Amino acid sequence: MANPNKETLLEWYRQMVLIRLFETRCDELYQEKKITGVYMHLYSGHEATGVGALAALRPDDNVITAYRDHGIALAKGVHPNPIMAEMMGRKDGVSGGKGGSMHIASKEHRMWGGYAIVGGHLPLAAGIAFASKYKDTDEVTICFIGDGASNNGYFHEAVNISGAWKLPIVWIIENNLVAMGTRVEDSTAQPLLHLRAEGYGIKDGGRIDGQDVMAVHDAVSDAVAYARKNGPVLIESLTYRYKGHGVSDKSYDKRFADELEEWKQNRDPITLFERVLEGKYKNIGPELKRIHDACAQAVDESVEFALNSPEPTYDDLIRNVYVD
């Protein structure tokens, strides 16, 4: 889609705003102890990467990610109500309230998780892509990877086998520069992470501006088209997160205060896209505000839905533990 129409662009804007408002509310609910658990990992700041990438997929294509998964699920079309219910551990959640923040999944939307083990989802991504090739279904899988996880053994094993077997998969490293809290240049001998593609004999999709939803979409569209016919592609998307690795990280705002403010002021993906839309379409401001207000209402409704959802019973909690 070299020149997406206005309706498409506004849909991307809606998704980005919905993710930002949803994550902001989740942060508030965590502080209020309505969302509990040791960790919750927010997608704020990454929106353009997730939305732009998933807009390149067909409905029957697959996506899998790690624990920064709420935004990816929303971009894949999962309704905010069951996501919020899952965040609160309620029965009407996408995983029945048993998965929580790090295990958002939807079979219907071919969104396969949400995984809490660092890099543990990469072999699963390779397996999903292998199934598509084995069954000759013409599906592509996108797998999101954090920059820190790219130093994990799972990364080597999964990306290597995808190259050996020419699997239809696009590996997207979301490089937010600091992993859990360590600079990529301090932990990685080759900080240009996309160059690793050569070592695995797969296509190098390059380093892209992860704050520019249109640039992400163009690059991932090319990668998806290639992967569908020829095999794996590795892309590095430069982005920046607005919260710590998890919301319990209280030092992040102080450690990176100046840099964080710089990205928020000058590289925010939503603000950048608003400027693009305002440049393309005269007097679009009121329309953008209506979208923003509708997203805010959708988030409010998701919170109300979750609070009114029952907690899982004992029978619910032990269901699906074993296969009959």
Foldseek 3Di string as FASTA:
>chain_A
DLDDDPVVLVVLLLLLLLLQLLQVVLLVCVVVVLQDDDFAAECAFLSLLLLLQLVLFDQPAAEEEWLNPPSNCVSLPDALQLCLLLRNLFCSHQLRSQQHRQFHADVNSNYGTGHHDQLPCLQVQLVVQVVCVVVVVLHAYEYEHELVSCVPPSVVVRLLVQLVVQTLYEYEYAYQQAQQHHGLVVPDVDSQSLVCNVVSNHARLEEFASLANNRSNVSSNVQNVCSSPGTYYYYYYHIHHLDGRTNVPPCVCVVCVVVSVCCVVPRRSSVVSVVVVCVVDPPCVVVSVVSSVVSNVSSVVSNVSSVPGHRDDPVSNCPPPDDD
